[in-house]
Each structure stands twice: as structure tokens, then as C-alpha cells.
Amino acid sequence: MRKWKRVDTVDGVRYRSAMAAHESALLQSLANSMLEMLNDRESDSPTDELEELTGMRTGNSRPPEDETMRRLLPDFYRAARDHPAGSGTAESLNSALRSLHEPAIIDAKRQACQCLLDTLPAAGGKFELTEDAAHSWAAAVNDLRLALGTMLEIGPDGPDRLPPEHPMAGHLDVYQWLTVLQEYLVLGLMSRGTR
């Protein structure tokens, strides 16, 4: 994977890079897996009679049971200290906020992944993104990295390595590659353009 280059064109800002075929295939696989996870979470939402009457979408009021999805769809509210009314208040607030906002959050995550898939060079090679597409890529790569990091149980301090016999050892390399991809993309988004 190459670094990203920002270019100012008459049609607006563009971000250019290139990927090897195996990198494109890997990103495609990860993004498709993410879409499946998001679709499963959305399909798990209970039907709401009020939604049918008003058209207002509602989602799950319960947090995901799966740790990976819980990392992608965290609670909205965390009390700085115990609430005088008890922990039920924070749970009730999270439940209401999740029900109202989770569908839009899932849509945004799904759109970012779909944009990545739509603009990814399937066989590798050079490609170019609009500014909006580059921001979608940054969001999608961040979600992919968070999901994989959760599966690998990566905390703030690593790990930098896993023993070769560890069943997830190869996935750590993918996590580190996603980290570099994200860093290069963010640096590209922050750079000044050339003509």
C-alpha cells in the first residue's frame, strides 16, 4: 500500500493511492464481513408498532451481546459517578438513546463500508477518491480496525506480537496493516494539495 497523495483538481480535491491485489481482496473481505455484522444487528431489532404508524425508525434498546458489536455500538451515556437514583437511570437513558439513534449509526457505518467497496480497485492498482469518499474510507477502516482489535483483545498497550502458535497470530498483522492504512489516509486528509 502506498501513501495517499492529495491533489487539487478543477473537479475538487482528490486523494490518490494504490493497492496490491491481495490488499484489495483483504479489504473487500473485511468490509463484507462488517456489512454482515451490521445487517445481523439491524435484523435483530424488534418490530415497533409506533414505527409502523409514524415512520420513525427505532432500533434495539439492548446493547449488543457480542463484544465486537458492543465496541462498534457502545453505550451513549456513562455516568462519571454513581447516579443518586441508581444504575437503572443510566441503563434507561442508554436504552432510549440506543433505540432512537442506533438505526442511523448502523446506516452510516454501512454506507462507509459500501463506499469503500464501491471505490476499491478490485484487482489492485492505482485509484483516486473524492474528499467525501476519502472520509468514508477513514470511517470504514476505523470500524474494521476497532472490530479486529476487539477480537484480538488489543488494549491501549498492545500487544505488538502474538506467539506464532496463537490462533489469531496472522490477524495481528492485518490489524497493524489497517493501522498503517488509517494513519496514511488521515495524514493525506490533513495534507495540503498539489496541482
N, C-alpha and C. Protein backbone atom coordinates (compact mmCIF):
# COMPACT_ATOMS: atom_id res chain seq x y z
N MET A 1 0.82 -1.17 0.00
CA MET A 1 0.00 0.00 0.00
C MET A 1 0.88 1.25 0.00
N ARG A 2 0.51 2.20 -0.81
CA ARG A 2 1.26 3.44 -0.89
C ARG A 2 0.62 4.49 0.00
N LYS A 3 1.38 5.54 0.25
CA LYS A 3 0.82 6.67 0.97
C LYS A 3 -0.21 7.36 0.08
N TRP A 4 -1.06 8.17 0.70
CA TRP A 4 -2.08 8.90 -0.03
C TRP A 4 -1.53 10.26 -0.43
N LYS A 5 -1.90 10.69 -1.61
CA LYS A 5 -1.48 12.00 -2.09
C LYS A 5 -2.73 12.82 -2.39
N ARG A 6 -2.79 13.99 -1.78
CA ARG A 6 -3.90 14.91 -2.03
C ARG A 6 -3.56 15.74 -3.25
N VAL A 7 -4.52 15.83 -4.18
CA VAL A 7 -4.34 16.61 -5.40
C VAL A 7 -5.56 17.51 -5.58
N ASP A 8 -5.31 18.81 -5.78
CA ASP A 8 -6.39 19.75 -6.06
C ASP A 8 -6.62 19.76 -7.56
N THR A 9 -7.82 19.39 -8.00
CA THR A 9 -8.15 19.36 -9.43
C THR A 9 -9.27 20.37 -9.69
N VAL A 10 -9.59 20.60 -10.94
CA VAL A 10 -10.69 21.51 -11.27
C VAL A 10 -12.03 20.95 -10.80
N ASP A 11 -12.10 19.64 -10.60
CA ASP A 11 -13.32 18.99 -10.11
C ASP A 11 -13.33 18.85 -8.60
N GLY A 12 -12.34 19.43 -7.93
CA GLY A 12 -12.28 19.34 -6.47
C GLY A 12 -11.09 18.52 -6.01
N VAL A 13 -11.01 18.35 -4.72
CA VAL A 13 -9.91 17.62 -4.10
C VAL A 13 -10.04 16.13 -4.40
N ARG A 14 -8.90 15.50 -4.69
CA ARG A 14 -8.85 14.05 -4.91
C ARG A 14 -7.72 13.49 -4.07
N TYR A 15 -7.89 12.25 -3.66
CA TYR A 15 -6.86 11.54 -2.89
C TYR A 15 -6.48 10.31 -3.68
N ARG A 16 -5.20 10.19 -3.99
CA ARG A 16 -4.71 9.10 -4.84
C ARG A 16 -3.82 8.16 -4.05
N SER A 17 -3.95 6.88 -4.36
CA SER A 17 -3.10 5.87 -3.76
C SER A 17 -3.10 4.65 -4.68
N ALA A 18 -2.51 3.58 -4.21
CA ALA A 18 -2.50 2.32 -4.96
C ALA A 18 -2.47 1.18 -3.96
N MET A 19 -3.03 0.06 -4.37
CA MET A 19 -3.04 -1.15 -3.54
C MET A 19 -2.67 -2.35 -4.38
N ALA A 20 -2.05 -3.29 -3.71
CA ALA A 20 -1.77 -4.58 -4.34
C ALA A 20 -3.09 -5.37 -4.40
N ALA A 21 -3.15 -6.34 -5.28
CA ALA A 21 -4.37 -7.14 -5.44
C ALA A 21 -4.76 -7.84 -4.14
N HIS A 22 -3.77 -8.37 -3.39
CA HIS A 22 -4.10 -9.08 -2.16
C HIS A 22 -4.61 -8.11 -1.08
N GLU A 23 -4.14 -6.85 -1.11
CA GLU A 23 -4.64 -5.86 -0.16
C GLU A 23 -6.09 -5.51 -0.46
N SER A 24 -6.41 -5.36 -1.73
CA SER A 24 -7.79 -5.08 -2.14
C SER A 24 -8.70 -6.24 -1.74
N ALA A 25 -8.25 -7.46 -1.98
CA ALA A 25 -9.05 -8.63 -1.63
C ALA A 25 -9.28 -8.70 -0.12
N LEU A 26 -8.26 -8.38 0.65
CA LEU A 26 -8.38 -8.40 2.11
C LEU A 26 -9.38 -7.35 2.58
N LEU A 27 -9.27 -6.12 2.07
CA LEU A 27 -10.21 -5.06 2.46
C LEU A 27 -11.63 -5.42 2.04
N GLN A 28 -11.79 -6.01 0.88
CA GLN A 28 -13.11 -6.41 0.42
C GLN A 28 -13.72 -7.44 1.37
N SER A 29 -12.93 -8.42 1.77
CA SER A 29 -13.40 -9.46 2.68
C SER A 29 -13.79 -8.87 4.04
N LEU A 30 -12.94 -7.99 4.57
CA LEU A 30 -13.22 -7.37 5.87
C LEU A 30 -14.48 -6.50 5.81
N ALA A 31 -14.61 -5.71 4.74
CA ALA A 31 -15.78 -4.83 4.63
C ALA A 31 -17.06 -5.63 4.46
N ASN A 32 -17.01 -6.72 3.70
CA ASN A 32 -18.20 -7.57 3.55
C ASN A 32 -18.58 -8.22 4.88
N SER A 33 -17.58 -8.63 5.66
CA SER A 33 -17.87 -9.20 6.99
C SER A 33 -18.50 -8.15 7.90
N MET A 34 -18.01 -6.91 7.82
CA MET A 34 -18.57 -5.83 8.62
C MET A 34 -20.03 -5.59 8.23
N LEU A 35 -20.31 -5.58 6.94
CA LEU A 35 -21.69 -5.38 6.48
C LEU A 35 -22.60 -6.49 7.00
N GLU A 36 -22.12 -7.72 6.99
CA GLU A 36 -22.91 -8.83 7.53
C GLU A 36 -23.21 -8.64 9.01
N MET A 37 -22.20 -8.22 9.78
CA MET A 37 -22.40 -7.99 11.21
C MET A 37 -23.42 -6.89 11.45
N LEU A 38 -23.33 -5.80 10.70
CA LEU A 38 -24.27 -4.69 10.86
C LEU A 38 -25.68 -5.10 10.45
N ASN A 39 -25.79 -5.87 9.36
CA ASN A 39 -27.11 -6.34 8.92
C ASN A 39 -27.72 -7.28 9.94
N ASP A 40 -26.91 -8.15 10.54
CA ASP A 40 -27.40 -9.06 11.57
C ASP A 40 -27.92 -8.29 12.78
N ARG A 41 -27.18 -7.27 13.18
CA ARG A 41 -27.61 -6.45 14.32
C ARG A 41 -28.92 -5.74 14.00
N GLU A 42 -29.02 -5.19 12.80
CA GLU A 42 -30.24 -4.48 12.42
C GLU A 42 -31.43 -5.43 12.34
N SER A 43 -31.23 -6.62 11.79
CA SER A 43 -32.34 -7.57 11.65
C SER A 43 -32.78 -8.13 12.99
N ASP A 44 -31.93 -7.98 14.00
CA ASP A 44 -32.25 -8.44 15.36
C ASP A 44 -33.15 -7.44 16.10
N SER A 45 -33.39 -6.27 15.49
CA SER A 45 -34.22 -5.24 16.13
C SER A 45 -35.66 -5.72 16.21
N PRO A 46 -36.31 -5.48 17.34
CA PRO A 46 -37.72 -5.86 17.46
C PRO A 46 -38.60 -4.95 16.60
N THR A 47 -39.74 -5.47 16.17
CA THR A 47 -40.67 -4.62 15.42
C THR A 47 -41.33 -3.67 16.40
N ASP A 48 -41.60 -2.48 15.94
CA ASP A 48 -42.17 -1.44 16.78
C ASP A 48 -43.44 -0.93 16.12
N GLU A 49 -44.56 -1.05 16.81
CA GLU A 49 -45.84 -0.61 16.24
C GLU A 49 -45.83 0.89 15.99
N LEU A 50 -45.19 1.66 16.88
CA LEU A 50 -45.11 3.10 16.70
C LEU A 50 -44.35 3.45 15.42
N GLU A 51 -43.31 2.67 15.12
CA GLU A 51 -42.55 2.88 13.89
C GLU A 51 -43.44 2.69 12.68
N GLU A 52 -44.30 1.68 12.74
CA GLU A 52 -45.19 1.41 11.62
C GLU A 52 -46.21 2.53 11.43
N LEU A 53 -46.62 3.17 12.52
CA LEU A 53 -47.59 4.26 12.44
C LEU A 53 -46.95 5.59 12.04
N THR A 54 -45.78 5.89 12.60
CA THR A 54 -45.17 7.20 12.41
C THR A 54 -44.08 7.23 11.34
N GLY A 55 -43.53 6.10 11.02
CA GLY A 55 -42.41 6.04 10.09
C GLY A 55 -41.07 6.31 10.76
N MET A 56 -41.10 6.63 12.05
CA MET A 56 -39.85 6.84 12.80
C MET A 56 -39.19 5.50 13.06
N ARG A 57 -37.98 5.34 12.55
CA ARG A 57 -37.27 4.08 12.76
C ARG A 57 -36.77 3.99 14.18
N THR A 58 -36.87 2.83 14.74
CA THR A 58 -36.29 2.57 16.06
C THR A 58 -35.45 1.31 15.94
N GLY A 59 -34.52 1.18 16.85
CA GLY A 59 -33.64 0.02 16.82
C GLY A 59 -33.68 -0.73 18.14
N ASN A 60 -32.68 -1.55 18.32
CA ASN A 60 -32.55 -2.29 19.57
C ASN A 60 -32.44 -1.33 20.74
N SER A 61 -33.06 -1.69 21.83
CA SER A 61 -32.87 -0.91 23.06
C SER A 61 -31.81 -1.58 23.94
N ARG A 62 -31.50 -2.83 23.63
CA ARG A 62 -30.48 -3.56 24.40
C ARG A 62 -29.12 -3.43 23.72
N PRO A 63 -28.06 -3.35 24.51
CA PRO A 63 -26.73 -3.32 23.89
C PRO A 63 -26.43 -4.68 23.25
N PRO A 64 -25.54 -4.70 22.27
CA PRO A 64 -25.18 -5.98 21.65
C PRO A 64 -24.55 -6.92 22.69
N GLU A 65 -24.81 -8.20 22.52
CA GLU A 65 -24.19 -9.20 23.41
C GLU A 65 -22.76 -9.48 22.97
N ASP A 66 -22.51 -9.40 21.67
CA ASP A 66 -21.20 -9.66 21.11
C ASP A 66 -20.25 -8.50 21.43
N GLU A 67 -19.06 -8.81 21.94
CA GLU A 67 -18.10 -7.77 22.33
C GLU A 67 -17.69 -6.89 21.14
N THR A 68 -17.55 -7.48 19.98
CA THR A 68 -17.14 -6.71 18.82
C THR A 68 -18.20 -5.67 18.46
N MET A 69 -19.47 -6.10 18.41
CA MET A 69 -20.54 -5.16 18.11
C MET A 69 -20.71 -4.15 19.23
N ARG A 70 -20.46 -4.56 20.46
CA ARG A 70 -20.54 -3.61 21.58
C ARG A 70 -19.48 -2.52 21.43
N ARG A 71 -18.33 -2.86 20.87
CA ARG A 71 -17.28 -1.87 20.65
C ARG A 71 -17.67 -0.92 19.53
N LEU A 72 -18.35 -1.44 18.51
CA LEU A 72 -18.78 -0.61 17.38
C LEU A 72 -20.02 0.22 17.71
N LEU A 73 -20.85 -0.27 18.63
CA LEU A 73 -22.08 0.41 19.03
C LEU A 73 -22.10 0.56 20.56
N PRO A 74 -21.21 1.38 21.10
CA PRO A 74 -21.11 1.49 22.56
C PRO A 74 -22.30 2.23 23.17
N ASP A 75 -22.38 2.19 24.50
CA ASP A 75 -23.40 2.95 25.20
C ASP A 75 -23.21 4.44 24.93
N PHE A 76 -24.29 5.16 24.99
CA PHE A 76 -24.26 6.60 24.75
C PHE A 76 -23.87 7.38 25.99
N TYR A 77 -24.20 6.85 27.14
CA TYR A 77 -24.03 7.60 28.38
C TYR A 77 -23.31 6.74 29.41
N ARG A 78 -22.29 7.30 30.00
CA ARG A 78 -21.58 6.65 31.11
C ARG A 78 -21.50 7.66 32.23
N ALA A 79 -22.07 7.32 33.35
CA ALA A 79 -22.07 8.23 34.49
C ALA A 79 -20.65 8.41 35.02
N ALA A 80 -20.29 9.66 35.32
CA ALA A 80 -18.97 9.93 35.90
C ALA A 80 -18.87 9.33 37.29
N ARG A 81 -19.99 9.28 37.96
CA ARG A 81 -20.06 8.63 39.29
C ARG A 81 -21.46 8.05 39.42
N ASP A 82 -21.67 7.30 40.46
CA ASP A 82 -22.98 6.67 40.65
C ASP A 82 -24.09 7.71 40.72
N HIS A 83 -25.14 7.45 40.00
CA HIS A 83 -26.30 8.35 40.00
C HIS A 83 -27.09 8.14 41.29
N PRO A 84 -27.57 9.22 41.91
CA PRO A 84 -28.33 9.08 43.16
C PRO A 84 -29.56 8.20 43.01
N ALA A 85 -30.11 8.16 41.80
CA ALA A 85 -31.31 7.35 41.59
C ALA A 85 -30.98 5.89 41.29
N GLY A 86 -29.69 5.55 41.24
CA GLY A 86 -29.28 4.17 41.00
C GLY A 86 -28.84 3.94 39.57
N SER A 87 -28.30 2.75 39.32
CA SER A 87 -27.74 2.44 37.99
C SER A 87 -28.82 2.28 36.94
N GLY A 88 -30.06 2.06 37.37
CA GLY A 88 -31.15 1.91 36.41
C GLY A 88 -31.37 3.15 35.56
N THR A 89 -31.03 4.32 36.11
CA THR A 89 -31.20 5.57 35.36
C THR A 89 -30.30 5.59 34.13
N ALA A 90 -29.03 5.26 34.30
CA ALA A 90 -28.11 5.23 33.16
C ALA A 90 -28.54 4.16 32.15
N GLU A 91 -28.97 3.00 32.63
CA GLU A 91 -29.42 1.93 31.74
C GLU A 91 -30.65 2.38 30.95
N SER A 92 -31.58 3.05 31.62
CA SER A 92 -32.79 3.52 30.96
C SER A 92 -32.46 4.57 29.90
N LEU A 93 -31.55 5.49 30.24
CA LEU A 93 -31.14 6.52 29.29
C LEU A 93 -30.45 5.88 28.08
N ASN A 94 -29.54 4.95 28.32
CA ASN A 94 -28.86 4.26 27.22
C ASN A 94 -29.84 3.51 26.34
N SER A 95 -30.81 2.87 26.96
CA SER A 95 -31.80 2.11 26.23
C SER A 95 -32.60 3.01 25.28
N ALA A 96 -33.03 4.16 25.80
CA ALA A 96 -33.82 5.08 24.98
C ALA A 96 -32.96 5.67 23.85
N LEU A 97 -31.75 6.10 24.19
CA LEU A 97 -30.87 6.69 23.17
C LEU A 97 -30.50 5.67 22.10
N ARG A 98 -30.22 4.44 22.53
CA ARG A 98 -29.86 3.39 21.57
C ARG A 98 -31.02 3.13 20.62
N SER A 99 -32.21 3.01 21.16
CA SER A 99 -33.39 2.73 20.34
C SER A 99 -33.60 3.83 19.29
N LEU A 100 -33.38 5.08 19.68
CA LEU A 100 -33.59 6.20 18.76
C LEU A 100 -32.48 6.36 17.73
N HIS A 101 -31.23 6.17 18.13
CA HIS A 101 -30.11 6.53 17.27
C HIS A 101 -29.38 5.38 16.59
N GLU A 102 -29.51 4.16 17.11
CA GLU A 102 -28.75 3.05 16.54
C GLU A 102 -29.04 2.82 15.05
N PRO A 103 -30.29 2.93 14.58
CA PRO A 103 -30.50 2.71 13.13
C PRO A 103 -29.70 3.67 12.25
N ALA A 104 -29.62 4.94 12.64
CA ALA A 104 -28.86 5.91 11.84
C ALA A 104 -27.36 5.63 11.92
N ILE A 105 -26.89 5.20 13.07
CA ILE A 105 -25.47 4.88 13.22
C ILE A 105 -25.11 3.67 12.37
N ILE A 106 -25.96 2.65 12.40
CA ILE A 106 -25.74 1.47 11.56
C ILE A 106 -25.75 1.87 10.08
N ASP A 107 -26.70 2.72 9.69
CA ASP A 107 -26.74 3.19 8.29
C ASP A 107 -25.44 3.88 7.90
N ALA A 108 -24.94 4.76 8.77
CA ALA A 108 -23.70 5.50 8.46
C ALA A 108 -22.52 4.54 8.32
N LYS A 109 -22.43 3.56 9.21
CA LYS A 109 -21.34 2.59 9.14
C LYS A 109 -21.46 1.73 7.87
N ARG A 110 -22.68 1.36 7.55
CA ARG A 110 -22.91 0.55 6.35
C ARG A 110 -22.57 1.36 5.09
N GLN A 111 -22.97 2.63 5.04
CA GLN A 111 -22.67 3.47 3.88
C GLN A 111 -21.17 3.66 3.71
N ALA A 112 -20.45 3.83 4.81
CA ALA A 112 -18.99 3.99 4.72
C ALA A 112 -18.35 2.71 4.16
N CYS A 113 -18.79 1.56 4.65
CA CYS A 113 -18.25 0.28 4.14
C CYS A 113 -18.61 0.09 2.67
N GLN A 114 -19.83 0.45 2.29
CA GLN A 114 -20.24 0.28 0.90
C GLN A 114 -19.46 1.21 -0.01
N CYS A 115 -19.19 2.43 0.46
CA CYS A 115 -18.37 3.37 -0.33
C CYS A 115 -16.97 2.78 -0.53
N LEU A 116 -16.41 2.21 0.52
CA LEU A 116 -15.09 1.58 0.40
C LEU A 116 -15.14 0.48 -0.66
N LEU A 117 -16.16 -0.36 -0.60
CA LEU A 117 -16.28 -1.46 -1.56
C LEU A 117 -16.48 -0.94 -2.99
N ASP A 118 -17.27 0.12 -3.13
CA ASP A 118 -17.56 0.66 -4.46
C ASP A 118 -16.36 1.35 -5.10
N THR A 119 -15.44 1.86 -4.30
CA THR A 119 -14.30 2.61 -4.85
C THR A 119 -12.99 1.83 -4.79
N LEU A 120 -13.01 0.68 -4.19
CA LEU A 120 -11.83 -0.16 -4.05
C LEU A 120 -11.46 -0.78 -5.40
N PRO A 121 -10.21 -0.68 -5.84
CA PRO A 121 -9.84 -1.34 -7.10
C PRO A 121 -9.80 -2.86 -6.87
N ALA A 122 -10.76 -3.55 -7.45
CA ALA A 122 -10.93 -4.98 -7.16
C ALA A 122 -9.68 -5.81 -7.42
N ALA A 123 -8.94 -5.48 -8.47
CA ALA A 123 -7.75 -6.25 -8.81
C ALA A 123 -6.48 -5.53 -8.37
N GLY A 124 -6.63 -4.53 -7.50
CA GLY A 124 -5.48 -3.74 -7.08
C GLY A 124 -5.16 -2.69 -8.13
N GLY A 125 -4.15 -1.90 -7.84
CA GLY A 125 -3.74 -0.86 -8.78
C GLY A 125 -3.98 0.53 -8.22
N LYS A 126 -3.75 1.52 -9.08
CA LYS A 126 -3.92 2.91 -8.69
C LYS A 126 -5.41 3.26 -8.67
N PHE A 127 -5.76 4.18 -7.76
CA PHE A 127 -7.13 4.67 -7.71
C PHE A 127 -7.15 6.04 -7.06
N GLU A 128 -8.31 6.67 -7.16
CA GLU A 128 -8.46 8.03 -6.66
C GLU A 128 -9.83 8.19 -6.02
N LEU A 129 -9.88 8.94 -4.93
CA LEU A 129 -11.12 9.16 -4.19
C LEU A 129 -11.46 10.63 -4.13
N THR A 130 -12.76 10.92 -4.12
CA THR A 130 -13.19 12.28 -3.81
C THR A 130 -12.97 12.52 -2.32
N GLU A 131 -13.13 13.76 -1.89
CA GLU A 131 -12.96 14.06 -0.47
C GLU A 131 -13.99 13.32 0.37
N ASP A 132 -15.24 13.28 -0.07
CA ASP A 132 -16.28 12.56 0.67
C ASP A 132 -15.96 11.06 0.76
N ALA A 133 -15.52 10.49 -0.34
CA ALA A 133 -15.18 9.07 -0.34
C ALA A 133 -13.99 8.79 0.58
N ALA A 134 -13.02 9.70 0.61
CA ALA A 134 -11.86 9.52 1.50
C ALA A 134 -12.29 9.55 2.96
N HIS A 135 -13.24 10.42 3.30
CA HIS A 135 -13.76 10.44 4.67
C HIS A 135 -14.53 9.15 4.98
N SER A 136 -15.26 8.64 4.02
CA SER A 136 -15.95 7.36 4.21
C SER A 136 -14.95 6.23 4.42
N TRP A 137 -13.87 6.24 3.64
CA TRP A 137 -12.83 5.24 3.83
C TRP A 137 -12.25 5.32 5.23
N ALA A 138 -11.97 6.54 5.70
CA ALA A 138 -11.40 6.70 7.04
C ALA A 138 -12.33 6.12 8.08
N ALA A 139 -13.64 6.37 7.94
CA ALA A 139 -14.61 5.83 8.90
C ALA A 139 -14.68 4.31 8.82
N ALA A 140 -14.70 3.77 7.60
CA ALA A 140 -14.80 2.32 7.43
C ALA A 140 -13.56 1.61 7.95
N VAL A 141 -12.38 2.13 7.62
CA VAL A 141 -11.13 1.50 8.08
C VAL A 141 -11.05 1.57 9.61
N ASN A 142 -11.50 2.67 10.19
CA ASN A 142 -11.52 2.78 11.64
C ASN A 142 -12.41 1.70 12.25
N ASP A 143 -13.60 1.50 11.68
CA ASP A 143 -14.50 0.46 12.20
C ASP A 143 -13.91 -0.94 12.03
N LEU A 144 -13.28 -1.20 10.88
CA LEU A 144 -12.65 -2.50 10.67
C LEU A 144 -11.55 -2.75 11.69
N ARG A 145 -10.77 -1.71 11.95
CA ARG A 145 -9.68 -1.80 12.92
C ARG A 145 -10.21 -2.02 14.34
N LEU A 146 -11.26 -1.29 14.71
CA LEU A 146 -11.86 -1.47 16.03
C LEU A 146 -12.39 -2.89 16.20
N ALA A 147 -13.08 -3.39 15.18
CA ALA A 147 -13.65 -4.73 15.26
C ALA A 147 -12.56 -5.78 15.42
N LEU A 148 -11.53 -5.70 14.58
CA LEU A 148 -10.44 -6.68 14.65
C LEU A 148 -9.67 -6.54 15.96
N GLY A 149 -9.44 -5.31 16.39
CA GLY A 149 -8.74 -5.09 17.66
C GLY A 149 -9.50 -5.68 18.84
N THR A 150 -10.82 -5.60 18.81
CA THR A 150 -11.64 -6.18 19.87
C THR A 150 -11.52 -7.70 19.85
N MET A 151 -11.58 -8.28 18.66
CA MET A 151 -11.44 -9.74 18.54
C MET A 151 -10.08 -10.21 19.04
N LEU A 152 -9.05 -9.38 18.83
CA LEU A 152 -7.70 -9.73 19.27
C LEU A 152 -7.43 -9.34 20.72
N GLU A 153 -8.43 -8.70 21.35
CA GLU A 153 -8.31 -8.22 22.73
C GLU A 153 -7.14 -7.26 22.90
N ILE A 154 -7.00 -6.36 21.93
CA ILE A 154 -5.93 -5.38 21.98
C ILE A 154 -6.37 -4.22 22.86
N GLY A 155 -5.57 -3.94 23.86
CA GLY A 155 -5.82 -2.82 24.76
C GLY A 155 -4.95 -1.64 24.37
N PRO A 156 -4.90 -0.63 25.23
CA PRO A 156 -4.10 0.56 24.92
C PRO A 156 -2.60 0.28 24.75
N ASP A 157 -2.11 -0.80 25.33
CA ASP A 157 -0.67 -1.08 25.29
C ASP A 157 -0.29 -2.23 24.36
N GLY A 158 -1.12 -2.58 23.44
CA GLY A 158 -0.68 -3.63 22.52
C GLY A 158 -1.63 -4.80 22.54
N PRO A 159 -1.22 -5.99 22.21
CA PRO A 159 0.15 -6.49 22.09
C PRO A 159 0.76 -6.15 20.74
N ASP A 160 2.09 -6.08 20.73
CA ASP A 160 2.80 -5.88 19.48
C ASP A 160 3.02 -7.19 18.74
N ARG A 161 3.02 -8.29 19.52
CA ARG A 161 3.27 -9.61 18.93
C ARG A 161 2.41 -10.64 19.64
N LEU A 162 2.11 -11.69 18.93
CA LEU A 162 1.46 -12.87 19.50
C LEU A 162 2.35 -14.06 19.18
N PRO A 163 2.36 -15.07 20.05
CA PRO A 163 3.16 -16.25 19.74
C PRO A 163 2.71 -16.85 18.41
N PRO A 164 3.64 -17.39 17.62
CA PRO A 164 3.28 -17.92 16.30
C PRO A 164 2.18 -18.99 16.35
N GLU A 165 2.10 -19.73 17.47
CA GLU A 165 1.10 -20.79 17.57
C GLU A 165 -0.28 -20.26 17.98
N HIS A 166 -0.38 -18.98 18.32
CA HIS A 166 -1.66 -18.38 18.71
C HIS A 166 -2.60 -18.41 17.51
N PRO A 167 -3.87 -18.82 17.69
CA PRO A 167 -4.78 -18.94 16.55
C PRO A 167 -5.05 -17.62 15.81
N MET A 168 -4.83 -16.49 16.47
CA MET A 168 -5.10 -15.20 15.85
C MET A 168 -3.80 -14.46 15.44
N ALA A 169 -2.67 -15.16 15.47
CA ALA A 169 -1.38 -14.50 15.21
C ALA A 169 -1.35 -13.79 13.86
N GLY A 170 -1.87 -14.40 12.82
CA GLY A 170 -1.88 -13.77 11.49
C GLY A 170 -2.78 -12.55 11.44
N HIS A 171 -3.82 -12.55 12.27
CA HIS A 171 -4.74 -11.42 12.28
C HIS A 171 -4.11 -10.16 12.87
N LEU A 172 -3.11 -10.35 13.73
CA LEU A 172 -2.42 -9.19 14.30
C LEU A 172 -1.70 -8.41 13.20
N ASP A 173 -1.14 -9.10 12.23
CA ASP A 173 -0.50 -8.42 11.10
C ASP A 173 -1.53 -7.61 10.31
N VAL A 174 -2.73 -8.17 10.16
CA VAL A 174 -3.80 -7.45 9.45
C VAL A 174 -4.19 -6.20 10.24
N TYR A 175 -4.30 -6.33 11.56
CA TYR A 175 -4.62 -5.19 12.41
C TYR A 175 -3.56 -4.09 12.26
N GLN A 176 -2.31 -4.48 12.27
CA GLN A 176 -1.24 -3.50 12.13
C GLN A 176 -1.24 -2.86 10.73
N TRP A 177 -1.58 -3.63 9.71
CA TRP A 177 -1.69 -3.08 8.36
C TRP A 177 -2.83 -2.06 8.30
N LEU A 178 -3.97 -2.39 8.92
CA LEU A 178 -5.09 -1.45 8.95
C LEU A 178 -4.70 -0.16 9.68
N THR A 179 -3.88 -0.30 10.72
CA THR A 179 -3.41 0.88 11.47
C THR A 179 -2.59 1.79 10.56
N VAL A 180 -1.70 1.21 9.78
CA VAL A 180 -0.87 1.99 8.86
C VAL A 180 -1.74 2.60 7.77
N LEU A 181 -2.67 1.84 7.22
CA LEU A 181 -3.58 2.35 6.19
C LEU A 181 -4.35 3.55 6.73
N GLN A 182 -4.87 3.43 7.94
CA GLN A 182 -5.62 4.52 8.55
C GLN A 182 -4.72 5.75 8.77
N GLU A 183 -3.51 5.51 9.27
CA GLU A 183 -2.60 6.62 9.52
C GLU A 183 -2.25 7.35 8.23
N TYR A 184 -1.92 6.61 7.18
CA TYR A 184 -1.58 7.24 5.90
C TYR A 184 -2.77 8.03 5.34
N LEU A 185 -3.97 7.48 5.49
CA LEU A 185 -5.15 8.16 4.97
C LEU A 185 -5.42 9.44 5.75
N VAL A 186 -5.32 9.38 7.07
CA VAL A 186 -5.54 10.58 7.89
C VAL A 186 -4.49 11.64 7.57
N LEU A 187 -3.24 11.23 7.40
CA LEU A 187 -2.19 12.18 7.04
C LEU A 187 -2.49 12.80 5.67
N GLY A 188 -2.98 11.99 4.74
CA GLY A 188 -3.36 12.51 3.43
C GLY A 188 -4.50 13.51 3.53
N LEU A 189 -5.49 13.22 4.37
CA LEU A 189 -6.61 14.13 4.55
C LEU A 189 -6.18 15.45 5.19
N MET A 190 -5.12 15.41 5.99
CA MET A 190 -4.63 16.61 6.65
C MET A 190 -3.64 17.41 5.81
N SER A 191 -3.17 16.83 4.73
CA SER A 191 -2.11 17.47 3.94
C SER A 191 -2.66 18.59 3.06
N ARG A 192 -1.74 19.41 2.60
CA ARG A 192 -2.10 20.45 1.62
C ARG A 192 -1.94 19.85 0.23
N GLY A 193 -2.75 20.31 -0.67
CA GLY A 193 -2.78 19.72 -2.01
C GLY A 193 -1.69 20.23 -2.94
N THR A 194 -1.57 19.52 -4.07
CA THR A 194 -0.69 19.92 -5.15
C THR A 194 -1.53 19.96 -6.43
N ARG A 195 -1.02 20.60 -7.42
CA ARG A 195 -1.74 20.63 -8.71
C ARG A 195 -0.96 19.86 -9.75
